[in-house]
C-alpha atoms as a PDB file:
ATOM      1  CA  MET A   1     141.275 129.370  33.125  1.00  0.00           C
ATOM      2  CA  GLN A   2     144.602 130.885  32.101  1.00  0.00           C
ATOM      3  CA  LEU A   3     145.032 132.316  35.593  1.00  0.00           C
ATOM      4  CA  ARG A   4     144.372 128.883  37.092  1.00  0.00           C
ATOM      5  CA  ASN A   5     147.013 127.312  34.748  1.00  0.00           C
ATOM      6  CA  HIS A   6     149.531 129.892  35.805  1.00  0.00           C
ATOM      7  CA  GLN A   7     148.802 129.222  39.373  1.00  0.00           C
ATOM      8  CA  GLU A   8     149.131 125.448  39.000  1.00  0.00           C
ATOM      9  CA  CYS A   9     152.433 125.811  37.155  1.00  0.00           C
ATOM     10  CA  ALA A  10     153.724 128.189  39.948  1.00  0.00           C
ATOM     11  CA  ASP A  11     152.748 125.608  42.589  1.00  0.00           C
ATOM     12  CA  MET A  12     154.409 122.834  40.737  1.00  0.00           C
ATOM     13  CA  ILE A  13     157.584 124.811  40.442  1.00  0.00           C
ATOM     14  CA  ALA A  14     157.609 125.782  44.015  1.00  0.00           C
ATOM     15  CA  THR A  15     156.998 122.193  44.927  1.00  0.00           C
ATOM     16  CA  TRP A  16     159.878 120.893  42.962  1.00  0.00           C
ATOM     17  CA  VAL A  17     162.294 123.738  44.347  1.00  0.00           C
ATOM     18  CA  PHE A  18     161.523 122.929  47.885  1.00  0.00           C
ATOM     19  CA  THR A  19     161.809 119.245  47.310  1.00  0.00           C
ATOM     20  CA  ILE A  20     165.184 119.558  45.692  1.00  0.00           C
ATOM     21  CA  LEU A  21     166.372 121.860  48.440  1.00  0.00           C
ATOM     22  CA  GLY A  22     165.096 119.463  51.023  1.00  0.00           C
ATOM     23  CA  TYR A  23     167.012 116.541  49.435  1.00  0.00           C
ATOM     24  CA  LEU A  24     170.193 118.855  49.171  1.00  0.00           C
ATOM     25  CA  ASN A  25     170.045 119.155  52.959  1.00  0.00           C
ATOM     26  CA  ILE A  26     170.202 115.408  53.240  1.00  0.00           C
ATOM     27  CA  VAL A  27     173.118 115.312  50.729  1.00  0.00           C
ATOM     28  CA  PHE A  28     175.042 117.851  52.741  1.00  0.00           C
ATOM     29  CA  VAL A  29     174.685 115.885  55.941  1.00  0.00           C
ATOM     30  CA  VAL A  30     175.754 112.651  54.115  1.00  0.00           C
ATOM     31  CA  VAL A  31     178.675 114.407  52.656  1.00  0.00           C
ATOM     32  CA  ILE A  32     179.815 115.892  55.911  1.00  0.00           C
ATOM     33  CA  CYS A  33     179.386 112.609  57.668  1.00  0.00           C
ATOM     34  CA  LEU A  34     181.500 110.654  55.026  1.00  0.00           C
ATOM     35  CA  TYR A  35     184.173 113.304  54.992  1.00  0.00           C
ATOM     36  CA  LEU A  36     184.538 113.113  58.819  1.00  0.00           C
ATOM     37  CA  ILE A  37     184.551 109.311  58.813  1.00  0.00           C
ATOM     38  CA  ILE A  38     187.123 109.171  56.068  1.00  0.00           C
ATOM     39  CA  SER A  39     189.378 111.795  57.735  1.00  0.00           C
ATOM     40  CA  GLY A  40     188.925 110.642  61.353  1.00  0.00           C
ATOM     41  CA  ILE A  41     189.068 106.940  61.152  1.00  0.00           C
ATOM     42  CA  PRO A  42     192.889 106.597  60.216  1.00  0.00           C
ATOM     43  CA  ALA A  43     194.003 108.503  63.329  1.00  0.00           C
ATOM     44  CA  ILE A  44     191.730 106.417  65.651  1.00  0.00           C
ATOM     45  CA  HIS A  45     193.230 103.270  63.920  1.00  0.00           C
ATOM     46  CA  GLU A  46     196.686 104.339  64.497  1.00  0.00           C
ATOM     47  CA  ILE A  47     196.315 105.652  67.972  1.00  0.00           C
ATOM     48  CA  GLY A  48     193.998 102.877  69.147  1.00  0.00           C
ATOM     49  CA  PHE A  49     190.372 103.236  69.937  1.00  0.00           C
ATOM     50  CA  PHE A  50     190.573 102.824  73.682  1.00  0.00           C
ATOM     51  CA  ASP A  51     193.737 104.945  74.034  1.00  0.00           C
ATOM     52  CA  PHE A  52     192.087 107.721  71.937  1.00  0.00           C
ATOM     53  CA  ILE A  53     188.638 107.687  73.446  1.00  0.00           C
ATOM     54  CA  PHE A  54     189.524 106.737  77.085  1.00  0.00           C
ATOM     55  CA  GLY A  55     192.961 108.231  77.409  1.00  0.00           C
ATOM     56  CA  THR A  56     193.205 111.046  79.914  1.00  0.00           C
ATOM     57  CA  LYS A  57     196.205 112.910  78.582  1.00  0.00           C
ATOM     58  CA  TRP A  58     196.330 115.230  75.630  1.00  0.00           C
ATOM     59  CA  ALA A  59     199.891 116.236  74.589  1.00  0.00           C
ATOM     60  CA  SER A  60     199.812 116.429  70.741  1.00  0.00           C
ATOM     61  CA  THR A  61     203.037 118.449  70.372  1.00  0.00           C
ATOM     62  CA  ALA A  62     205.242 116.610  72.937  1.00  0.00           C
ATOM     63  CA  ALA A  63     208.318 114.509  71.881  1.00  0.00           C
ATOM     64  CA  ASP A  64     206.036 111.387  72.898  1.00  0.00           C
ATOM     65  CA  PRO A  65     202.680 112.639  71.915  1.00  0.00           C
ATOM     66  CA  LYS A  66     199.556 111.566  73.704  1.00  0.00           C
ATOM     67  CA  PHE A  67     196.086 111.711  72.098  1.00  0.00           C
ATOM     68  CA  GLY A  68     193.666 110.848  74.827  1.00  0.00           C
ATOM     69  CA  ILE A  69     190.342 112.787  74.559  1.00  0.00           C
ATOM     70  CA  MET A  70     188.391 111.627  77.668  1.00  0.00           C
ATOM     71  CA  PRO A  71     188.986 115.043  79.294  1.00  0.00           C
ATOM     72  CA  PHE A  72     187.468 116.754  76.316  1.00  0.00           C
ATOM     73  CA  ILE A  73     184.439 114.350  76.204  1.00  0.00           C
ATOM     74  CA  LEU A  74     183.679 114.794  79.927  1.00  0.00           C
ATOM     75  CA  THR A  75     184.138 118.512  79.821  1.00  0.00           C
ATOM     76  CA  SER A  76     181.616 118.726  76.932  1.00  0.00           C
ATOM     77  CA  ILE A  77     179.172 116.534  78.739  1.00  0.00           C
ATOM     78  CA  TYR A  78     179.379 118.446  82.048  1.00  0.00           C
ATOM     79  CA  GLY A  79     179.360 121.858  80.354  1.00  0.00           C
ATOM     80  CA  THR A  80     176.274 121.022  78.302  1.00  0.00           C
ATOM     81  CA  PHE A  81     174.435 119.505  81.290  1.00  0.00           C
ATOM     82  CA  GLY A  82     175.411 122.468  83.434  1.00  0.00           C
ATOM     83  CA  ALA A  83     174.229 125.037  80.750  1.00  0.00           C
ATOM     84  CA  ILE A  84     170.764 123.203  80.461  1.00  0.00           C
ATOM     85  CA  LEU A  85     170.472 122.943  84.275  1.00  0.00           C
ATOM     86  CA  PHE A  86     170.870 126.730  84.513  1.00  0.00           C
ATOM     87  CA  GLY A  87     169.462 127.993  81.287  1.00  0.00           C
ATOM     88  CA  LEU A  88     166.388 125.698  80.894  1.00  0.00           C
ATOM     89  CA  PRO A  89     164.515 126.772  84.079  1.00  0.00           C
ATOM     90  CA  ILE A  90     165.133 130.540  83.319  1.00  0.00           C
ATOM     91  CA  GLY A  91     164.210 130.131  79.690  1.00  0.00           C
ATOM     92  CA  PHE A  92     161.080 127.969  80.381  1.00  0.00           C
ATOM     93  CA  PHE A  93     159.653 130.272  83.012  1.00  0.00           C
ATOM     94  CA  SER A  94     160.500 133.293  81.017  1.00  0.00           C
ATOM     95  CA  SER A  95     158.640 131.890  77.913  1.00  0.00           C
ATOM     96  CA  VAL A  96     155.585 131.030  80.075  1.00  0.00           C
ATOM     97  CA  TYR A  97     155.483 134.503  81.571  1.00  0.00           C
ATOM     98  CA  LEU A  98     155.824 136.179  78.212  1.00  0.00           C
ATOM     99  CA  ALA A  99     153.223 133.881  76.417  1.00  0.00           C
ATOM    100  CA  LYS A 100     150.551 133.870  79.029  1.00  0.00           C
ATOM    101  CA  PHE A 101     151.012 136.448  81.729  1.00  0.00           C
ATOM    102  CA  ALA A 102     153.075 139.463  80.622  1.00  0.00           C
ATOM    103  CA  PRO A 103     151.374 142.796  79.465  1.00  0.00           C
ATOM    104  CA  LEU A 104     151.670 143.383  75.638  1.00  0.00           C
ATOM    105  CA  ARG A 105     154.166 146.224  76.057  1.00  0.00           C
ATOM    106  CA  VAL A 106     156.295 144.143  78.445  1.00  0.00           C
ATOM    107  CA  LYS A 107     156.205 141.192  76.137  1.00  0.00           C
ATOM    108  CA  GLN A 108     157.174 143.155  73.095  1.00  0.00           C
ATOM    109  CA  PHE A 109     160.100 144.884  74.885  1.00  0.00           C
ATOM    110  CA  ILE A 110     161.508 141.582  76.313  1.00  0.00           C
ATOM    111  CA  GLU A 111     161.112 139.776  73.103  1.00  0.00           C
ATOM    112  CA  SER A 112     163.088 142.609  71.419  1.00  0.00           C
ATOM    113  CA  VAL A 113     165.751 142.133  74.023  1.00  0.00           C
ATOM    114  CA  VAL A 114     165.771 138.378  73.468  1.00  0.00           C
ATOM    115  CA  ASP A 115     166.131 138.856  69.654  1.00  0.00           C
ATOM    116  CA  LEU A 116     168.970 141.249  70.305  1.00  0.00           C
ATOM    117  CA  LEU A 117     170.532 138.574  72.525  1.00  0.00           C
ATOM    118  CA  ALA A 118     170.186 135.976  69.780  1.00  0.00           C
ATOM    119  CA  GLY A 119     172.033 138.266  67.393  1.00  0.00           C
ATOM    120  CA  ILE A 120     175.063 138.942  69.452  1.00  0.00           C
ATOM    121  CA  PRO A 121     178.190 137.048  68.099  1.00  0.00           C
ATOM    122  CA  SER A 122     179.573 134.451  70.323  1.00  0.00           C
ATOM    123  CA  VAL A 123     182.869 136.146  70.459  1.00  0.00           C
ATOM    124  CA  VAL A 124     181.196 139.069  72.216  1.00  0.00           C
ATOM    125  CA  PHE A 125     179.830 136.800  74.887  1.00  0.00           C
ATOM    126  CA  GLY A 126     183.325 135.407  75.315  1.00  0.00           C
ATOM    127  CA  PHE A 127     184.919 138.850  75.367  1.00  0.00           C
ATOM    128  CA  ILE A 128     182.380 140.041  78.067  1.00  0.00           C
ATOM    129  CA  GLY A 129     182.762 136.763  80.063  1.00  0.00           C
ATOM    130  CA  MET A 130     186.565 137.157  80.064  1.00  0.00           C
ATOM    131  CA  LEU A 131     186.366 140.759  81.278  1.00  0.00           C
ATOM    132  CA  VAL A 132     183.614 140.461  83.764  1.00  0.00           C
ATOM    133  CA  LEU A 133     182.612 136.862  84.648  1.00  0.00           C
ATOM    134  CA  VAL A 134     186.139 135.420  84.989  1.00  0.00           C
ATOM    135  CA  PRO A 135     187.418 138.036  87.307  1.00  0.00           C
ATOM    136  CA  ALA A 136     184.287 137.873  89.460  1.00  0.00           C
ATOM    137  CA  ILE A 137     184.687 134.052  89.749  1.00  0.00           C
ATOM    138  CA  LYS A 138     188.257 134.592  90.742  1.00  0.00           C
ATOM    139  CA  ASP A 139     187.425 137.097  93.529  1.00  0.00           C
ATOM    140  CA  ILE A 140     184.304 135.387  94.863  1.00  0.00           C
ATOM    141  CA  PHE A 141     185.816 131.871  95.155  1.00  0.00           C
ATOM    142  CA  ASN A 142     189.443 133.252  95.904  1.00  0.00           C
ATOM    143  CA  LEU A 143     190.966 131.260  92.987  1.00  0.00           C
ATOM    144  CA  ALA A 144     194.267 131.843  91.252  1.00  0.00           C
ATOM    145  CA  ASP A 145     192.402 132.036  87.879  1.00  0.00           C
ATOM    146  CA  GLY A 146     188.747 132.387  87.256  1.00  0.00           C
ATOM    147  CA  SER A 147     189.017 130.747  83.730  1.00  0.00           C
ATOM    148  CA  SER A 148     187.067 127.521  84.511  1.00  0.00           C
ATOM    149  CA  LEU A 149     184.291 125.111  83.702  1.00  0.00           C
ATOM    150  CA  LEU A 150     181.923 127.239  85.822  1.00  0.00           C
ATOM    151  CA  ALA A 151     182.563 130.273  83.714  1.00  0.00           C
ATOM    152  CA  ALA A 152     181.927 128.243  80.547  1.00  0.00           C
ATOM    153  CA  ILE A 153     178.657 126.879  81.884  1.00  0.00           C
ATOM    154  CA  LEU A 154     177.484 130.292  83.037  1.00  0.00           C
ATOM    155  CA  VAL A 155     178.206 131.816  79.446  1.00  0.00           C
ATOM    156  CA  LEU A 156     176.687 128.868  77.655  1.00  0.00           C
ATOM    157  CA  SER A 157     173.569 129.282  80.009  1.00  0.00           C
ATOM    158  CA  ILE A 158     173.020 132.747  78.743  1.00  0.00           C
ATOM    159  CA  MET A 159     173.753 131.856  75.121  1.00  0.00           C
ATOM    160  CA  ILE A 160     171.161 129.189  74.889  1.00  0.00           C
ATOM    161  CA  LEU A 161     168.327 131.413  76.404  1.00  0.00           C
ATOM    162  CA  PRO A 162     167.174 132.889  73.027  1.00  0.00           C
ATOM    163  CA  SER A 163     166.622 129.482  71.382  1.00  0.00           C
ATOM    164  CA  ILE A 164     164.651 128.116  74.394  1.00  0.00           C
ATOM    165  CA  ILE A 165     162.582 131.319  74.994  1.00  0.00           C
ATOM    166  CA  LYS A 166     161.563 131.996  71.234  1.00  0.00           C
ATOM    167  CA  VAL A 167     160.712 128.440  70.427  1.00  0.00           C
ATOM    168  CA  SER A 168     158.891 127.771  73.607  1.00  0.00           C
ATOM    169  CA  ILE A 169     156.795 130.882  73.169  1.00  0.00           C
ATOM    170  CA  GLY A 170     155.769 129.776  69.769  1.00  0.00           C
ATOM    171  CA  ALA A 171     154.893 126.363  71.090  1.00  0.00           C
ATOM    172  CA  LEU A 172     152.753 127.817  73.931  1.00  0.00           C
ATOM    173  CA  GLU A 173     150.912 130.343  71.762  1.00  0.00           C
ATOM    174  CA  ALA A 174     150.160 127.549  69.236  1.00  0.00           C
ATOM    175  CA  VAL A 175     148.062 125.662  71.892  1.00  0.00           C
ATOM    176  CA  PRO A 176     144.264 126.230  70.945  1.00  0.00           C
ATOM    177  CA  HIS A 177     142.809 128.806  73.161  1.00  0.00           C
ATOM    178  CA  GLU A 178     139.751 126.497  73.673  1.00  0.00           C
ATOM    179  CA  TYR A 179     141.895 124.446  75.965  1.00  0.00           C
ATOM    180  CA  GLU A 180     142.267 127.451  78.333  1.00  0.00           C
ATOM    181  CA  LEU A 181     138.558 128.259  78.125  1.00  0.00           C
ATOM    182  CA  GLY A 182     137.631 124.729  78.971  1.00  0.00           C
ATOM    183  CA  SER A 183     139.944 124.576  82.011  1.00  0.00           C
ATOM    184  CA  LEU A 184     138.741 127.994  83.297  1.00  0.00           C
ATOM    185  CA  ALA A 185     135.161 126.856  82.818  1.00  0.00           C
ATOM    186  CA  LEU A 186     135.819 123.873  85.010  1.00  0.00           C
ATOM    187  CA  GLY A 187     137.016 126.148  87.887  1.00  0.00           C
ATOM    188  CA  ALA A 188     140.736 126.115  87.418  1.00  0.00           C
ATOM    189  CA  ASN A 189     142.548 129.439  87.912  1.00  0.00           C
ATOM    190  CA  LYS A 190     144.885 131.054  85.393  1.00  0.00           C
ATOM    191  CA  VAL A 191     148.090 129.535  86.894  1.00  0.00           C
ATOM    192  CA  GLU A 192     146.771 126.041  87.141  1.00  0.00           C
ATOM    193  CA  THR A 193     145.374 126.258  83.599  1.00  0.00           C
ATOM    194  CA  VAL A 194     148.712 127.401  82.135  1.00  0.00           C
ATOM    195  CA  TYR A 195     150.950 124.727  84.008  1.00  0.00           C
ATOM    196  CA  LYS A 196     148.527 121.838  84.003  1.00  0.00           C
ATOM    197  CA  VAL A 197     146.810 122.224  80.517  1.00  0.00           C
ATOM    198  CA  VAL A 198     148.845 124.611  78.232  1.00  0.00           C
ATOM    199  CA  VAL A 199     152.310 123.612  79.019  1.00  0.00           C
ATOM    200  CA  PRO A 200     151.630 119.734  78.669  1.00  0.00           C
ATOM    201  CA  ALA A 201     149.846 120.482  75.270  1.00  0.00           C
ATOM    202  CA  ALA A 202     152.989 122.367  74.274  1.00  0.00           C
ATOM    203  CA  ARG A 203     155.579 119.894  75.571  1.00  0.00           C
ATOM    204  CA  ARG A 204     156.696 118.668  72.169  1.00  0.00           C
ATOM    205  CA  GLY A 205     157.525 122.232  71.061  1.00  0.00           C
ATOM    206  CA  ILE A 206     159.237 123.003  74.366  1.00  0.00           C
ATOM    207  CA  GLY A 207     161.331 119.773  73.781  1.00  0.00           C
ATOM    208  CA  VAL A 208     162.404 120.979  70.523  1.00  0.00           C
ATOM    209  CA  ALA A 209     163.565 124.164  72.184  1.00  0.00           C
ATOM    210  CA  VAL A 210     165.628 122.081  74.539  1.00  0.00           C
ATOM    211  CA  VAL A 211     167.088 120.155  71.610  1.00  0.00           C
ATOM    212  CA  LEU A 212     168.089 123.446  70.019  1.00  0.00           C
ATOM    213  CA  GLY A 213     169.610 124.714  73.335  1.00  0.00           C
ATOM    214  CA  VAL A 214     171.671 121.510  73.708  1.00  0.00           C
ATOM    215  CA  GLY A 215     172.837 121.894  70.124  1.00  0.00           C
ATOM    216  CA  ARG A 216     173.970 125.315  70.773  1.00  0.00           C
ATOM    217  CA  ALA A 217     175.695 124.438  73.989  1.00  0.00           C
ATOM    218  CA  ILE A 218     177.537 121.445  72.500  1.00  0.00           C
ATOM    219  CA  GLY A 219     178.652 123.181  69.306  1.00  0.00           C
ATOM    220  CA  GLU A 220     179.981 126.517  70.849  1.00  0.00           C
ATOM    221  CA  ALA A 221     183.652 127.046  70.435  1.00  0.00           C
ATOM    222  CA  MET A 222     184.912 130.584  70.549  1.00  0.00           C
ATOM    223  CA  ALA A 223     183.094 131.836  73.764  1.00  0.00           C
ATOM    224  CA  VAL A 224     183.991 128.872  75.827  1.00  0.00           C
ATOM    225  CA  MET A 225     187.663 128.955  74.587  1.00  0.00           C
ATOM    226  CA  MET A 226     187.900 132.526  75.944  1.00  0.00           C
ATOM    227  CA  VAL A 227     186.407 131.878  79.405  1.00  0.00           C
ATOM    228  CA  ALA A 228     187.202 128.209  80.062  1.00  0.00           C
ATOM    229  CA  GLY A 229     191.119 128.429  80.110  1.00  0.00           C
ATOM    230  CA  ASN A 230     191.515 126.017  77.184  1.00  0.00           C
ATOM    231  CA  VAL A 231     193.733 123.481  79.120  1.00  0.00           C
ATOM    232  CA  ALA A 232     193.452 119.878  78.739  1.00  0.00           C
ATOM    233  CA  ASN A 233     192.602 119.035  82.211  1.00  0.00           C
ATOM    234  CA  MET A 234     190.138 116.457  83.623  1.00  0.00           C
ATOM    235  CA  PRO A 235     186.980 118.438  84.293  1.00  0.00           C
ATOM    236  CA  GLY A 236     186.457 120.179  87.695  1.00  0.00           C
ATOM    237  CA  ILE A 237     184.082 123.052  88.429  1.00  0.00           C
ATOM    238  CA  PHE A 238     186.890 125.437  89.034  1.00  0.00           C
ATOM    239  CA  GLU A 239     189.514 123.945  86.821  1.00  0.00           C
ATOM    240  CA  SER A 240     190.600 125.389  83.486  1.00  0.00           C
ATOM    241  CA  VAL A 241     189.262 122.939  80.810  1.00  0.00           C
ATOM    242  CA  ARG A 242     189.084 122.236  77.147  1.00  0.00           C
ATOM    243  CA  PHE A 243     185.872 121.288  75.263  1.00  0.00           C
ATOM    244  CA  LEU A 244     185.731 119.029  72.134  1.00  0.00           C
ATOM    245  CA  THR A 245     184.996 122.050  69.911  1.00  0.00           C
ATOM    246  CA  THR A 246     187.734 124.214  71.319  1.00  0.00           C
ATOM    247  CA  ALA A 247     190.277 121.323  71.008  1.00  0.00           C
ATOM    248  CA  VAL A 248     189.751 121.414  67.264  1.00  0.00           C
ATOM    249  CA  ALA A 249     189.618 125.207  67.062  1.00  0.00           C
ATOM    250  CA  SER A 250     192.683 125.798  69.036  1.00  0.00           C
ATOM    251  CA  GLU A 251     195.100 123.502  67.317  1.00  0.00           C
ATOM    252  CA  MET A 252     193.828 123.292  63.700  1.00  0.00           C
ATOM    253  CA  SER A 253     195.755 126.248  62.347  1.00  0.00           C
ATOM    254  CA  TYR A 254     199.124 124.786  63.134  1.00  0.00           C
ATOM    255  CA  SER A 255     198.550 120.914  63.122  1.00  0.00           C
ATOM    256  CA  ALA A 256     200.196 118.382  60.786  1.00  0.00           C
ATOM    257  CA  GLY A 257     200.533 114.727  60.359  1.00  0.00           C
ATOM    258  CA  LEU A 258     198.983 112.564  63.130  1.00  0.00           C
ATOM    259  CA  GLN A 259     198.007 115.593  65.180  1.00  0.00           C
ATOM    260  CA  ARG A 260     195.900 116.929  62.217  1.00  0.00           C
ATOM    261  CA  GLN A 261     194.211 113.568  61.782  1.00  0.00           C
ATOM    262  CA  ALA A 262     193.576 113.332  65.448  1.00  0.00           C
ATOM    263  CA  LEU A 263     191.727 116.662  65.281  1.00  0.00           C
ATOM    264  CA  PHE A 264     189.485 115.318  62.511  1.00  0.00           C
ATOM    265  CA  SER A 265     188.905 112.265  64.752  1.00  0.00           C
ATOM    266  CA  ILE A 266     187.689 114.661  67.503  1.00  0.00           C
ATOM    267  CA  ALA A 267     185.345 116.397  65.116  1.00  0.00           C
ATOM    268  CA  LEU A 268     184.061 112.868  64.239  1.00  0.00           C
ATOM    269  CA  VAL A 269     183.440 112.095  67.915  1.00  0.00           C
ATOM    270  CA  LEU A 270     181.750 115.404  68.449  1.00  0.00           C
ATOM    271  CA  PHE A 271     179.470 114.759  65.428  1.00  0.00           C
ATOM    272  CA  ILE A 272     178.460 111.389  66.742  1.00  0.00           C
ATOM    273  CA  PHE A 273     178.014 112.812  70.195  1.00  0.00           C
ATOM    274  CA  ILE A 274     175.549 115.538  68.882  1.00  0.00           C
ATOM    275  CA  MET A 275     173.640 113.011  66.784  1.00  0.00           C
ATOM    276  CA  VAL A 276     173.331 110.551  69.646  1.00  0.00           C
ATOM    277  CA  ILE A 277     172.069 113.208  72.046  1.00  0.00           C
ATOM    278  CA  ASN A 278     169.555 114.599  69.544  1.00  0.00           C
ATOM    279  CA  ALA A 279     168.270 111.123  68.729  1.00  0.00           C
ATOM    280  CA  LEU A 280     167.906 110.266  72.479  1.00  0.00           C
ATOM    281  CA  LEU A 281     166.006 113.558  73.050  1.00  0.00           C
ATOM    282  CA  ASN A 282     163.703 113.006  70.028  1.00  0.00           C
ATOM    283  CA  LEU A 283     163.101 109.480  71.338  1.00  0.00           C
ATOM    284  CA  VAL A 284     162.129 110.698  74.651  1.00  0.00           C
ATOM    285  CA  LEU A 285     159.851 113.345  73.114  1.00  0.00           C
ATOM    286  CA  LYS A 286     158.082 110.774  70.832  1.00  0.00           C
ATOM    287  CA  LYS A 287     157.431 108.457  73.786  1.00  0.00           C
ATOM    288  CA  ARG A 288     155.862 111.205  75.903  1.00  0.00           C
ATOM    289  CA  GLY A 289     153.941 112.501  73.060  1.00  0.00           C
ATOM    290  CA  SER A 290     152.380 108.992  72.472  1.00  0.00           C
ATOM    291  CA  LYS A 291     151.101 108.757  76.010  1.00  0.00           C
END
C-alpha cells in the first residue's frame, strides 16, 4: 500500500511538472510574439505598410534610406520552395528505402550518417558551400560570381534532409505490420504494398517531416549568408540575394534608430511568415487525414 502511494505521488508530481513546462512553452511563444509586435510595429507605421512590404529597394544606411523588403520576402519564398523541391524527394525516397527495403547493416550505417549530418553546425555547411559549391556554380555556368540563390537552395536542400529522413522513418515504421501482411495476402508485391498502403497510412507523419524541413529552410541564416552573396537584389536563380533571416543577422550589430526598428519589423514579418506556412501545412494535413 505504501509503495502504491509513493507511485501515485510520483505520477502526480510528474503530471504537474510536465503540465507546467507545457504552459511555459505557450508563455514563451506569446512573449516572443508580443515583443516582436511591440518592437516591429513602430517602424512599419513610420515607413508605411506598403512601402515597407512591397518596396523593392533596401538601402538602410544611405543618405535617403529606403526600407523595402519585397526582395527579402520573395527570396525566402523561392529559397524555401526550391529547397523543398530538391530535398523532399531525396529525403522521402531515402526514408522509404531505409524503413522498408534496406538491409539492417546498411540501414544502421546510413542512419548514423544522417545523425551526423544533423549534428553539423550550419556554419560548417556554409563554409563548405562557400569553398566548394560556389566556385563550382561559377565554373559550370560561367558566372562572374557563384554566390547565388541556386547555391543557397542547394545548401538548404542538404540541411533539411536529416529532419525529413528521421521523422519519415519513424512514421513509416509506426504503421502496423498487419497492414503490410494484409496487402501481401491480397496479392500485392512489396513495392505496391509500401507505396499504396504503408506510405498513405504514414502520410501525417511524413507531413510533419515536411513542416520541420520548411521551418529549417525558412529559419536558416548563417549558411545562406555565406553562399547567397547577401546582396539586396530581387531574386534570380544566379543573382546574389539576401533572405529575411540574413537581412536581420547582417545589420543588427551596427544598426540604430529607424534602421534597427526596421530590422525588428523584418523579424516580425518572418515570424508571421513561418506561422502562416505552418498553419497552412497543418490545415492541408488535417483535411487529407480526414478523408
